[in-house]
Amino acid sequence: MIYFLSLGSNIGDRKRNLVRASRLLAKNGVAVLKASSVYRTEPVDVRDQPWFYNQALEVRTDRTPHELLALAKSIEAAMKRVPSIEKGPRTIDIDILLAGDTVLGTPELTIPHPRLAVRNFVLVPLNEIAPQAVHPLLRKTVHELFRLCPDRSSVLGAGRRARRQGRNPNS
């Protein structure tokens, strides 16, 4: 199955954390088909923390969504993600955004990701690698969701403004 994942880090060597997470996915049989550029992104819900580095991946695996979630959580643990306040600082965060046309809602996992359509830090990198992917509930492409996104937080990447610029990106 083809999945789209979001990786994020704002503790330690943020870029290296993204690379390490991708390598650990691959080492565990998840083929990374495409990787977006790395973007510096403004914290959204808990604003008083360092800016994140975010990236989107297109991957292929025979794992079920719950098996992929278990792998993602084991990688987060191996990379010393320490549970803290919700949406707070972290060495790595791996979220499943889309899984083909799968719609899933369990206490452990919701696919499509419930905030995918309202987060610049997800949509900018995802739009780079999969603008034509379709959200199975909203029936809009990633590019359409990107254009309609109400989020005004900054997402900076590749030496250019990728989306709206807000506060100081050097935080």
C-alpha atoms as a PDB file:
ATOM      1  CA  MET A   1       0.000   0.000   0.000  1.00  0.00           C
ATOM      2  CA  ILE A   2       1.092   3.581  -0.660  1.00  0.00           C
ATOM      3  CA  TYR A   3       1.116   5.895   2.359  1.00  0.00           C
ATOM      4  CA  PHE A   4       1.968   9.536   2.854  1.00  0.00           C
ATOM      5  CA  LEU A   5       3.746  10.398   6.091  1.00  0.00           C
ATOM      6  CA  SER A   6       4.665  13.629   7.825  1.00  0.00           C
ATOM      7  CA  LEU A   7       7.936  13.858   9.764  1.00  0.00           C
ATOM      8  CA  GLY A   8       8.684  16.662  12.201  1.00  0.00           C
ATOM      9  CA  SER A   9      11.454  17.535  14.654  1.00  0.00           C
ATOM     10  CA  ASN A  10      12.314  20.545  16.798  1.00  0.00           C
ATOM     11  CA  ILE A  11      14.818  19.161  19.325  1.00  0.00           C
ATOM     12  CA  GLY A  12      18.484  18.410  18.662  1.00  0.00           C
ATOM     13  CA  ASP A  13      19.819  18.175  15.126  1.00  0.00           C
ATOM     14  CA  ARG A  14      16.417  18.537  13.472  1.00  0.00           C
ATOM     15  CA  LYS A  15      17.526  17.761   9.912  1.00  0.00           C
ATOM     16  CA  ARG A  16      19.545  14.743  11.024  1.00  0.00           C
ATOM     17  CA  ASN A  17      16.527  13.496  12.987  1.00  0.00           C
ATOM     18  CA  LEU A  18      14.425  13.505   9.800  1.00  0.00           C
ATOM     19  CA  VAL A  19      17.132  11.625   7.898  1.00  0.00           C
ATOM     20  CA  ARG A  20      17.485   9.066  10.684  1.00  0.00           C
ATOM     21  CA  ALA A  21      13.721   8.468  10.847  1.00  0.00           C
ATOM     22  CA  SER A  22      13.604   7.898   7.062  1.00  0.00           C
ATOM     23  CA  ARG A  23      16.507   5.449   7.295  1.00  0.00           C
ATOM     24  CA  LEU A  24      14.855   3.553  10.157  1.00  0.00           C
ATOM     25  CA  LEU A  25      11.645   3.267   8.148  1.00  0.00           C
ATOM     26  CA  ALA A  26      13.625   1.877   5.191  1.00  0.00           C
ATOM     27  CA  LYS A  27      15.599  -0.479   7.437  1.00  0.00           C
ATOM     28  CA  ASN A  28      12.253  -1.909   8.593  1.00  0.00           C
ATOM     29  CA  GLY A  29      10.948  -2.652   5.109  1.00  0.00           C
ATOM     30  CA  VAL A  30       9.185   0.620   4.309  1.00  0.00           C
ATOM     31  CA  ALA A  31      10.289   1.781   0.857  1.00  0.00           C
ATOM     32  CA  VAL A  32      10.663   5.550   0.641  1.00  0.00           C
ATOM     33  CA  LEU A  33       9.463   6.451  -2.863  1.00  0.00           C
ATOM     34  CA  LYS A  34       9.569  10.258  -2.611  1.00  0.00           C
ATOM     35  CA  ALA A  35      10.748  12.751  -0.021  1.00  0.00           C
ATOM     36  CA  SER A  36       9.887  16.434  -0.007  1.00  0.00           C
ATOM     37  CA  SER A  37      12.346  19.171   0.719  1.00  0.00           C
ATOM     38  CA  VAL A  38      12.905  19.953   4.382  1.00  0.00           C
ATOM     39  CA  TYR A  39      10.953  22.984   5.573  1.00  0.00           C
ATOM     40  CA  ARG A  40      11.406  25.172   8.640  1.00  0.00           C
ATOM     41  CA  THR A  41       7.991  25.618  10.185  1.00  0.00           C
ATOM     42  CA  GLU A  42       6.477  27.808  12.826  1.00  0.00           C
ATOM     43  CA  PRO A  43       4.976  26.033  15.859  1.00  0.00           C
ATOM     44  CA  VAL A  44       1.193  26.187  15.635  1.00  0.00           C
ATOM     45  CA  ASP A  45      -0.593  25.137  18.812  1.00  0.00           C
ATOM     46  CA  VAL A  46       2.172  25.482  21.412  1.00  0.00           C
ATOM     47  CA  ARG A  47       3.949  28.555  20.084  1.00  0.00           C
ATOM     48  CA  ASP A  48       6.631  28.973  22.766  1.00  0.00           C
ATOM     49  CA  GLN A  49       9.057  26.339  21.464  1.00  0.00           C
ATOM     50  CA  PRO A  50      11.739  26.076  18.761  1.00  0.00           C
ATOM     51  CA  TRP A  51      10.679  26.037  15.124  1.00  0.00           C
ATOM     52  CA  PHE A  52      10.261  22.605  13.526  1.00  0.00           C
ATOM     53  CA  TYR A  53      11.826  20.985  10.518  1.00  0.00           C
ATOM     54  CA  ASN A  54       9.128  19.119   8.582  1.00  0.00           C
ATOM     55  CA  GLN A  55       9.122  16.794   5.610  1.00  0.00           C
ATOM     56  CA  ALA A  56       6.596  14.625   3.779  1.00  0.00           C
ATOM     57  CA  LEU A  57       7.335  11.116   2.517  1.00  0.00           C
ATOM     58  CA  GLU A  58       5.579   8.865   0.039  1.00  0.00           C
ATOM     59  CA  VAL A  59       6.225   5.283   1.112  1.00  0.00           C
ATOM     60  CA  ARG A  60       5.218   1.765   0.127  1.00  0.00           C
ATOM     61  CA  THR A  61       4.817  -1.127   2.535  1.00  0.00           C
ATOM     62  CA  ASP A  62       2.782  -4.286   3.001  1.00  0.00           C
ATOM     63  CA  ARG A  63       2.105  -3.259   6.601  1.00  0.00           C
ATOM     64  CA  THR A  64      -1.441  -2.458   7.647  1.00  0.00           C
ATOM     65  CA  PRO A  65      -2.094   1.066   8.915  1.00  0.00           C
ATOM     66  CA  HIS A  66      -1.963  -0.148  12.531  1.00  0.00           C
ATOM     67  CA  GLU A  67       1.289  -2.035  11.884  1.00  0.00           C
ATOM     68  CA  LEU A  68       2.804   1.083  10.297  1.00  0.00           C
ATOM     69  CA  LEU A  69       1.658   3.144  13.289  1.00  0.00           C
ATOM     70  CA  ALA A  70       3.329   0.644  15.644  1.00  0.00           C
ATOM     71  CA  LEU A  71       6.551   0.916  13.636  1.00  0.00           C
ATOM     72  CA  ALA A  72       6.369   4.736  13.691  1.00  0.00           C
ATOM     73  CA  LYS A  73       5.918   4.707  17.483  1.00  0.00           C
ATOM     74  CA  SER A  74       8.847   2.296  17.895  1.00  0.00           C
ATOM     75  CA  ILE A  75      11.060   4.593  15.776  1.00  0.00           C
ATOM     76  CA  GLU A  76       9.973   7.600  17.855  1.00  0.00           C
ATOM     77  CA  ALA A  77      10.904   5.673  21.019  1.00  0.00           C
ATOM     78  CA  ALA A  78      14.258   4.569  19.547  1.00  0.00           C
ATOM     79  CA  MET A  79      14.994   8.210  18.730  1.00  0.00           C
ATOM     80  CA  LYS A  80      14.323   9.149  22.353  1.00  0.00           C
ATOM     81  CA  ARG A  81      11.038  10.960  21.859  1.00  0.00           C
ATOM     82  CA  VAL A  82       9.957  11.741  25.377  1.00  0.00           C
ATOM     83  CA  PRO A  83       6.251  12.263  25.940  1.00  0.00           C
ATOM     84  CA  SER A  84       5.692  15.814  27.157  1.00  0.00           C
ATOM     85  CA  ILE A  85       2.897  18.281  26.664  1.00  0.00           C
ATOM     86  CA  GLU A  86       0.696  17.540  23.675  1.00  0.00           C
ATOM     87  CA  LYS A  87       2.049  19.222  20.523  1.00  0.00           C
ATOM     88  CA  GLY A  88       5.148  20.239  22.461  1.00  0.00           C
ATOM     89  CA  PRO A  89       8.841  19.833  21.598  1.00  0.00           C
ATOM     90  CA  ARG A  90       9.999  16.475  20.208  1.00  0.00           C
ATOM     91  CA  THR A  91      13.001  14.822  18.624  1.00  0.00           C
ATOM     92  CA  ILE A  92      10.764  13.181  16.011  1.00  0.00           C
ATOM     93  CA  ASP A  93       7.104  12.894  15.178  1.00  0.00           C
ATOM     94  CA  ILE A  94       5.875  10.513  12.483  1.00  0.00           C
ATOM     95  CA  ASP A  95       2.257  10.859  11.390  1.00  0.00           C
ATOM     96  CA  ILE A  96       0.322   8.855   8.830  1.00  0.00           C
ATOM     97  CA  LEU A  97      -1.477  11.373   6.618  1.00  0.00           C
ATOM     98  CA  LEU A  98      -3.039   9.242   3.887  1.00  0.00           C
ATOM     99  CA  ALA A  99      -3.200   5.534   3.097  1.00  0.00           C
ATOM    100  CA  GLY A 100      -4.529   5.223  -0.441  1.00  0.00           C
ATOM    101  CA  ASP A 101      -8.281   5.706  -0.256  1.00  0.00           C
ATOM    102  CA  THR A 102      -8.463   4.190   3.231  1.00  0.00           C
ATOM    103  CA  VAL A 103     -10.748   5.846   5.764  1.00  0.00           C
ATOM    104  CA  LEU A 104     -10.120   4.652   9.306  1.00  0.00           C
ATOM    105  CA  GLY A 105     -11.260   5.914  12.677  1.00  0.00           C
ATOM    106  CA  THR A 106     -10.141   4.066  15.778  1.00  0.00           C
ATOM    107  CA  PRO A 107      -9.045   5.362  19.190  1.00  0.00           C
ATOM    108  CA  GLU A 108      -5.409   4.758  18.148  1.00  0.00           C
ATOM    109  CA  LEU A 109      -5.440   5.946  14.543  1.00  0.00           C
ATOM    110  CA  THR A 110      -7.446   8.201  12.245  1.00  0.00           C
ATOM    111  CA  ILE A 111      -6.807   8.176   8.483  1.00  0.00           C
ATOM    112  CA  PRO A 112      -6.848  10.584   6.754  1.00  0.00           C
ATOM    113  CA  HIS A 113      -5.052  12.560   9.436  1.00  0.00           C
ATOM    114  CA  PRO A 114      -7.763  14.724  11.035  1.00  0.00           C
ATOM    115  CA  ARG A 115      -5.855  18.033  10.736  1.00  0.00           C
ATOM    116  CA  LEU A 116      -4.224  17.426   7.346  1.00  0.00           C
ATOM    117  CA  ALA A 117      -6.375  20.031   5.549  1.00  0.00           C
ATOM    118  CA  VAL A 118      -5.705  22.842   8.032  1.00  0.00           C
ATOM    119  CA  ARG A 119      -1.949  22.668   8.596  1.00  0.00           C
ATOM    120  CA  ASN A 120       0.581  24.494   6.404  1.00  0.00           C
ATOM    121  CA  PHE A 121       3.452  22.467   7.859  1.00  0.00           C
ATOM    122  CA  VAL A 122       1.790  19.334   6.453  1.00  0.00           C
ATOM    123  CA  LEU A 123       0.323  20.660   3.216  1.00  0.00           C
ATOM    124  CA  VAL A 124       3.359  22.544   1.895  1.00  0.00           C
ATOM    125  CA  PRO A 125       5.682  19.496   1.863  1.00  0.00           C
ATOM    126  CA  LEU A 126       2.870  17.135   0.829  1.00  0.00           C
ATOM    127  CA  ASN A 127       1.906  19.425  -2.065  1.00  0.00           C
ATOM    128  CA  GLU A 128       5.520  19.293  -3.260  1.00  0.00           C
ATOM    129  CA  ILE A 129       5.489  15.499  -3.703  1.00  0.00           C
ATOM    130  CA  ALA A 130       1.798  14.635  -4.185  1.00  0.00           C
ATOM    131  CA  PRO A 131      -0.304  17.574  -5.394  1.00  0.00           C
ATOM    132  CA  GLN A 132      -2.765  15.245  -7.141  1.00  0.00           C
ATOM    133  CA  ALA A 133      -3.320  12.887  -4.188  1.00  0.00           C
ATOM    134  CA  VAL A 134      -6.973  12.985  -3.173  1.00  0.00           C
ATOM    135  CA  HIS A 135      -8.294  13.312   0.367  1.00  0.00           C
ATOM    136  CA  PRO A 136     -10.825  10.443   0.478  1.00  0.00           C
ATOM    137  CA  LEU A 137     -13.327  12.279   2.675  1.00  0.00           C
ATOM    138  CA  LEU A 138     -13.060  15.852   1.424  1.00  0.00           C
ATOM    139  CA  ARG A 139     -12.712  14.727  -2.227  1.00  0.00           C
ATOM    140  CA  LYS A 140     -10.178  17.461  -2.928  1.00  0.00           C
ATOM    141  CA  THR A 141      -6.607  17.123  -4.144  1.00  0.00           C
ATOM    142  CA  VAL A 142      -3.722  18.037  -1.870  1.00  0.00           C
ATOM    143  CA  HIS A 143      -3.096  21.037  -4.119  1.00  0.00           C
ATOM    144  CA  GLU A 144      -6.694  22.226  -3.675  1.00  0.00           C
ATOM    145  CA  LEU A 145      -6.412  21.780   0.094  1.00  0.00           C
ATOM    146  CA  PHE A 146      -3.124  23.712   0.033  1.00  0.00           C
ATOM    147  CA  ARG A 147      -4.739  26.633  -1.827  1.00  0.00           C
ATOM    148  CA  LEU A 148      -7.733  26.676   0.559  1.00  0.00           C
ATOM    149  CA  CYS A 149      -5.779  26.188   3.795  1.00  0.00           C
ATOM    150  CA  PRO A 150      -6.788  28.734   6.460  1.00  0.00           C
ATOM    151  CA  ASP A 151      -3.502  28.306   8.390  1.00  0.00           C
ATOM    152  CA  ARG A 152      -1.321  31.424   8.260  1.00  0.00           C
ATOM    153  CA  SER A 153       1.725  29.979  10.036  1.00  0.00           C
ATOM    154  CA  SER A 154       5.105  30.261   8.337  1.00  0.00           C
ATOM    155  CA  VAL A 155       6.604  27.440   6.312  1.00  0.00           C
ATOM    156  CA  LEU A 156      10.023  28.254   4.890  1.00  0.00           C
ATOM    157  CA  GLY A 157      12.134  26.077   2.674  1.00  0.00           C
ATOM    158  CA  ALA A 158      14.694  25.766  -0.093  1.00  0.00           C
ATOM    159  CA  GLY A 159      15.834  29.361   0.337  1.00  0.00           C
ATOM    160  CA  ARG A 160      12.438  30.804  -0.552  1.00  0.00           C
ATOM    161  CA  ARG A 161       9.142  31.582   1.080  1.00  0.00           C
ATOM    162  CA  ALA A 162       7.069  28.470   0.556  1.00  0.00           C
ATOM    163  CA  ARG A 163       3.955  29.867   2.182  1.00  0.00           C
ATOM    164  CA  ARG A 164       3.025  32.822   4.350  1.00  0.00           C
ATOM    165  CA  GLN A 165       5.763  34.176   6.594  1.00  0.00           C
ATOM    166  CA  GLY A 166       4.798  34.960  10.167  1.00  0.00           C
ATOM    167  CA  ARG A 167       7.133  35.486  13.092  1.00  0.00           C
ATOM    168  CA  ASN A 168      10.918  35.181  13.277  1.00  0.00           C
ATOM    169  CA  PRO A 169      12.046  31.871  11.707  1.00  0.00           C
ATOM    170  CA  ASN A 170      15.327  31.931  13.639  1.00  0.00           C
ATOM    171  CA  SER A 171      13.579  31.067  16.914  1.00  0.00           C
END
